[in-house]
Amino acid sequence: MLGYRITFSMMAVRPGSHELIRPLPRGVILVPTSSVDGAGMIEAICGENRVRVFQRDLIERAERIELSDDLMTPSPISDT
């Protein structure tokens, strides 16, 4: 399973009846749950929360990682 590890802090939107903007600090793991929408955003799981982030932020401020089945042991994706 692929995920992202935040390498530079970025902003996320927490969807709901009152959408909240919250910072995601360096080191947080995101697990995408949707493809890119018309606004360029992706929905993902962050801990126990659902968040929406811009795909561009993921490209510029996160690294792609491979997650183990239990989602607790991330390992860097190898380019080989």
N, C-alpha and C. Protein backbone atom coordinates (compact mmCIF):
# COMPACT_ATOMS: atom_id res chain seq x y z
N MET A 1 0.85 -1.17 0.00
CA MET A 1 0.00 0.00 0.00
C MET A 1 0.90 1.23 0.00
N LEU A 2 0.56 2.21 -0.84
CA LEU A 2 1.35 3.44 -0.93
C LEU A 2 0.76 4.53 -0.03
N GLY A 3 1.63 5.32 0.52
CA GLY A 3 1.23 6.45 1.34
C GLY A 3 2.22 7.58 1.15
N TYR A 4 2.11 8.59 1.98
CA TYR A 4 3.00 9.75 1.93
C TYR A 4 3.46 10.09 3.34
N ARG A 5 4.72 10.44 3.47
CA ARG A 5 5.26 10.97 4.74
C ARG A 5 5.55 12.45 4.50
N ILE A 6 4.96 13.31 5.31
CA ILE A 6 5.13 14.75 5.16
C ILE A 6 6.58 15.11 5.51
N THR A 7 7.27 15.80 4.58
CA THR A 7 8.66 16.21 4.82
C THR A 7 8.77 17.68 5.19
N PHE A 8 7.79 18.48 4.81
CA PHE A 8 7.69 19.90 5.18
C PHE A 8 6.24 20.14 5.57
N SER A 9 6.01 20.87 6.64
CA SER A 9 4.63 21.06 7.10
C SER A 9 3.77 21.63 5.97
N MET A 10 2.50 21.28 6.01
CA MET A 10 1.56 21.74 5.00
C MET A 10 0.17 21.83 5.62
N MET A 11 -0.74 22.46 4.90
CA MET A 11 -2.10 22.63 5.40
C MET A 11 -3.01 21.56 4.83
N ALA A 12 -4.00 21.19 5.63
CA ALA A 12 -5.01 20.22 5.20
C ALA A 12 -6.38 20.74 5.61
N VAL A 13 -7.40 20.29 4.90
CA VAL A 13 -8.78 20.63 5.23
C VAL A 13 -9.41 19.39 5.81
N ARG A 14 -10.04 19.55 6.95
CA ARG A 14 -10.77 18.44 7.56
C ARG A 14 -12.23 18.58 7.16
N PRO A 15 -12.73 17.69 6.27
CA PRO A 15 -14.09 17.84 5.78
C PRO A 15 -15.14 17.59 6.86
N GLY A 16 -16.29 18.15 6.67
CA GLY A 16 -17.39 18.01 7.61
C GLY A 16 -18.36 19.16 7.43
N SER A 17 -19.30 19.26 8.32
CA SER A 17 -20.28 20.34 8.20
C SER A 17 -19.60 21.70 8.36
N HIS A 18 -18.56 21.76 9.15
CA HIS A 18 -17.74 22.97 9.28
C HIS A 18 -16.30 22.58 8.97
N GLU A 19 -15.92 22.74 7.71
CA GLU A 19 -14.58 22.35 7.32
C GLU A 19 -13.54 23.14 8.11
N LEU A 20 -12.55 22.45 8.61
CA LEU A 20 -11.49 23.07 9.40
C LEU A 20 -10.17 22.97 8.65
N ILE A 21 -9.40 24.02 8.70
CA ILE A 21 -8.05 23.99 8.14
C ILE A 21 -7.10 23.73 9.29
N ARG A 22 -6.23 22.75 9.10
CA ARG A 22 -5.28 22.42 10.16
C ARG A 22 -3.91 22.15 9.57
N PRO A 23 -2.86 22.46 10.30
CA PRO A 23 -1.51 22.16 9.81
C PRO A 23 -1.17 20.69 10.01
N LEU A 24 -0.44 20.14 9.07
CA LEU A 24 0.10 18.79 9.21
C LEU A 24 1.60 18.93 9.41
N PRO A 25 2.12 18.50 10.54
CA PRO A 25 3.55 18.66 10.80
C PRO A 25 4.39 17.63 10.05
N ARG A 26 5.66 17.91 9.99
CA ARG A 26 6.62 17.00 9.37
C ARG A 26 6.56 15.63 10.05
N GLY A 27 6.62 14.57 9.26
CA GLY A 27 6.62 13.21 9.79
C GLY A 27 5.28 12.52 9.79
N VAL A 28 4.19 13.26 9.60
CA VAL A 28 2.85 12.67 9.59
C VAL A 28 2.71 11.78 8.36
N ILE A 29 2.01 10.66 8.52
CA ILE A 29 1.76 9.73 7.42
C ILE A 29 0.34 9.93 6.91
N LEU A 30 0.20 10.04 5.59
CA LEU A 30 -1.11 10.14 4.94
C LEU A 30 -1.33 8.91 4.08
N VAL A 31 -2.55 8.37 4.13
CA VAL A 31 -2.92 7.24 3.30
C VAL A 31 -4.05 7.72 2.38
N PRO A 32 -3.78 7.89 1.07
CA PRO A 32 -4.80 8.39 0.14
C PRO A 32 -6.00 7.44 0.06
N THR A 33 -7.20 8.04 -0.01
CA THR A 33 -8.42 7.25 -0.13
C THR A 33 -9.23 7.66 -1.35
N SER A 34 -8.71 8.59 -2.15
CA SER A 34 -9.42 9.02 -3.36
C SER A 34 -8.41 9.42 -4.42
N SER A 35 -8.92 9.62 -5.61
CA SER A 35 -8.07 10.17 -6.66
C SER A 35 -8.21 11.68 -6.63
N VAL A 36 -7.50 12.36 -7.48
CA VAL A 36 -7.50 13.83 -7.51
C VAL A 36 -8.85 14.32 -8.03
N ASP A 37 -9.45 15.29 -7.31
CA ASP A 37 -10.73 15.85 -7.75
C ASP A 37 -10.50 17.07 -8.64
N GLY A 38 -11.56 17.71 -9.05
CA GLY A 38 -11.49 18.86 -9.94
C GLY A 38 -10.75 20.05 -9.37
N ALA A 39 -10.66 20.14 -8.05
CA ALA A 39 -9.94 21.23 -7.40
C ALA A 39 -8.47 20.89 -7.18
N GLY A 40 -8.05 19.70 -7.61
CA GLY A 40 -6.67 19.28 -7.43
C GLY A 40 -6.38 18.74 -6.04
N MET A 41 -7.43 18.29 -5.33
CA MET A 41 -7.27 17.80 -3.96
C MET A 41 -7.47 16.29 -3.89
N ILE A 42 -6.82 15.69 -2.89
CA ILE A 42 -6.92 14.26 -2.63
C ILE A 42 -7.43 14.09 -1.20
N GLU A 43 -8.33 13.15 -1.01
CA GLU A 43 -8.77 12.83 0.35
C GLU A 43 -7.85 11.74 0.88
N ALA A 44 -7.52 11.82 2.17
CA ALA A 44 -6.61 10.85 2.78
C ALA A 44 -6.96 10.65 4.24
N ILE A 45 -6.45 9.54 4.78
CA ILE A 45 -6.56 9.27 6.21
C ILE A 45 -5.26 9.74 6.86
N CYS A 46 -5.40 10.47 7.94
CA CYS A 46 -4.26 10.98 8.71
C CYS A 46 -4.53 10.60 10.16
N GLY A 47 -3.91 9.51 10.62
CA GLY A 47 -4.24 9.02 11.96
C GLY A 47 -5.67 8.51 11.96
N GLU A 48 -6.51 9.11 12.77
CA GLU A 48 -7.92 8.73 12.82
C GLU A 48 -8.81 9.73 12.09
N ASN A 49 -8.22 10.70 11.42
CA ASN A 49 -8.98 11.76 10.76
C ASN A 49 -8.94 11.65 9.25
N ARG A 50 -10.01 12.08 8.62
CA ARG A 50 -10.03 12.25 7.17
C ARG A 50 -9.63 13.68 6.89
N VAL A 51 -8.76 13.86 5.90
CA VAL A 51 -8.34 15.20 5.51
C VAL A 51 -8.31 15.29 4.00
N ARG A 52 -8.32 16.52 3.50
CA ARG A 52 -8.14 16.78 2.08
C ARG A 52 -6.91 17.66 1.94
N VAL A 53 -6.04 17.29 0.99
CA VAL A 53 -4.82 18.05 0.74
C VAL A 53 -4.67 18.24 -0.76
N PHE A 54 -3.94 19.28 -1.14
CA PHE A 54 -3.69 19.50 -2.55
C PHE A 54 -2.64 18.52 -3.05
N GLN A 55 -2.88 17.95 -4.22
CA GLN A 55 -1.92 17.03 -4.83
C GLN A 55 -0.56 17.72 -5.00
N ARG A 56 -0.57 18.97 -5.37
CA ARG A 56 0.69 19.71 -5.56
C ARG A 56 1.50 19.76 -4.26
N ASP A 57 0.82 19.95 -3.13
CA ASP A 57 1.52 19.95 -1.84
C ASP A 57 2.15 18.59 -1.57
N LEU A 58 1.44 17.50 -1.91
CA LEU A 58 2.01 16.17 -1.71
C LEU A 58 3.27 15.99 -2.55
N ILE A 59 3.23 16.47 -3.77
CA ILE A 59 4.39 16.34 -4.66
C ILE A 59 5.57 17.13 -4.12
N GLU A 60 5.31 18.35 -3.63
CA GLU A 60 6.38 19.24 -3.19
C GLU A 60 6.79 19.08 -1.73
N ARG A 61 5.90 18.56 -0.88
CA ARG A 61 6.16 18.58 0.56
C ARG A 61 6.07 17.21 1.23
N ALA A 62 6.05 16.14 0.42
CA ALA A 62 5.96 14.80 1.00
C ALA A 62 6.75 13.82 0.16
N GLU A 63 7.07 12.68 0.77
CA GLU A 63 7.73 11.61 0.03
C GLU A 63 6.79 10.41 -0.01
N ARG A 64 6.79 9.75 -1.16
CA ARG A 64 5.98 8.54 -1.27
C ARG A 64 6.67 7.42 -0.53
N ILE A 65 5.88 6.66 0.21
CA ILE A 65 6.42 5.53 0.96
C ILE A 65 5.52 4.32 0.74
N GLU A 66 6.07 3.16 0.97
CA GLU A 66 5.27 1.94 0.95
C GLU A 66 4.96 1.57 2.39
N LEU A 67 3.69 1.31 2.66
CA LEU A 67 3.25 0.98 4.01
C LEU A 67 3.03 -0.51 4.12
N SER A 68 3.36 -1.08 5.27
CA SER A 68 3.08 -2.48 5.50
C SER A 68 1.57 -2.65 5.67
N ASP A 69 1.11 -3.88 5.69
CA ASP A 69 -0.33 -4.15 5.80
C ASP A 69 -0.95 -3.58 7.06
N ASP A 70 -0.18 -3.48 8.15
CA ASP A 70 -0.74 -2.96 9.39
C ASP A 70 -0.65 -1.44 9.48
N LEU A 71 -0.11 -0.79 8.42
CA LEU A 71 0.01 0.67 8.33
C LEU A 71 0.86 1.28 9.43
N MET A 72 1.56 0.47 10.19
CA MET A 72 2.34 1.00 11.29
C MET A 72 3.84 1.04 10.98
N THR A 73 4.27 0.36 9.92
CA THR A 73 5.69 0.27 9.63
C THR A 73 5.97 0.79 8.23
N PRO A 74 6.14 2.10 8.07
CA PRO A 74 6.45 2.62 6.73
C PRO A 74 7.89 2.30 6.35
N SER A 75 8.09 2.07 5.06
CA SER A 75 9.44 1.89 4.57
C SER A 75 9.56 2.67 3.27
N PRO A 76 10.71 3.33 3.02
CA PRO A 76 10.86 4.12 1.80
C PRO A 76 10.69 3.27 0.55
N ILE A 77 10.11 3.86 -0.49
CA ILE A 77 9.97 3.17 -1.77
C ILE A 77 11.32 3.15 -2.45
N SER A 78 11.70 2.01 -2.94
CA SER A 78 12.97 1.88 -3.64
C SER A 78 12.79 2.24 -5.10
N ASP A 79 13.75 2.97 -5.67
CA ASP A 79 13.69 3.32 -7.08
C ASP A 79 14.28 2.22 -7.96
N THR A 80 14.77 1.15 -7.35
CA THR A 80 15.38 0.08 -8.12
C THR A 80 14.40 -1.00 -8.46
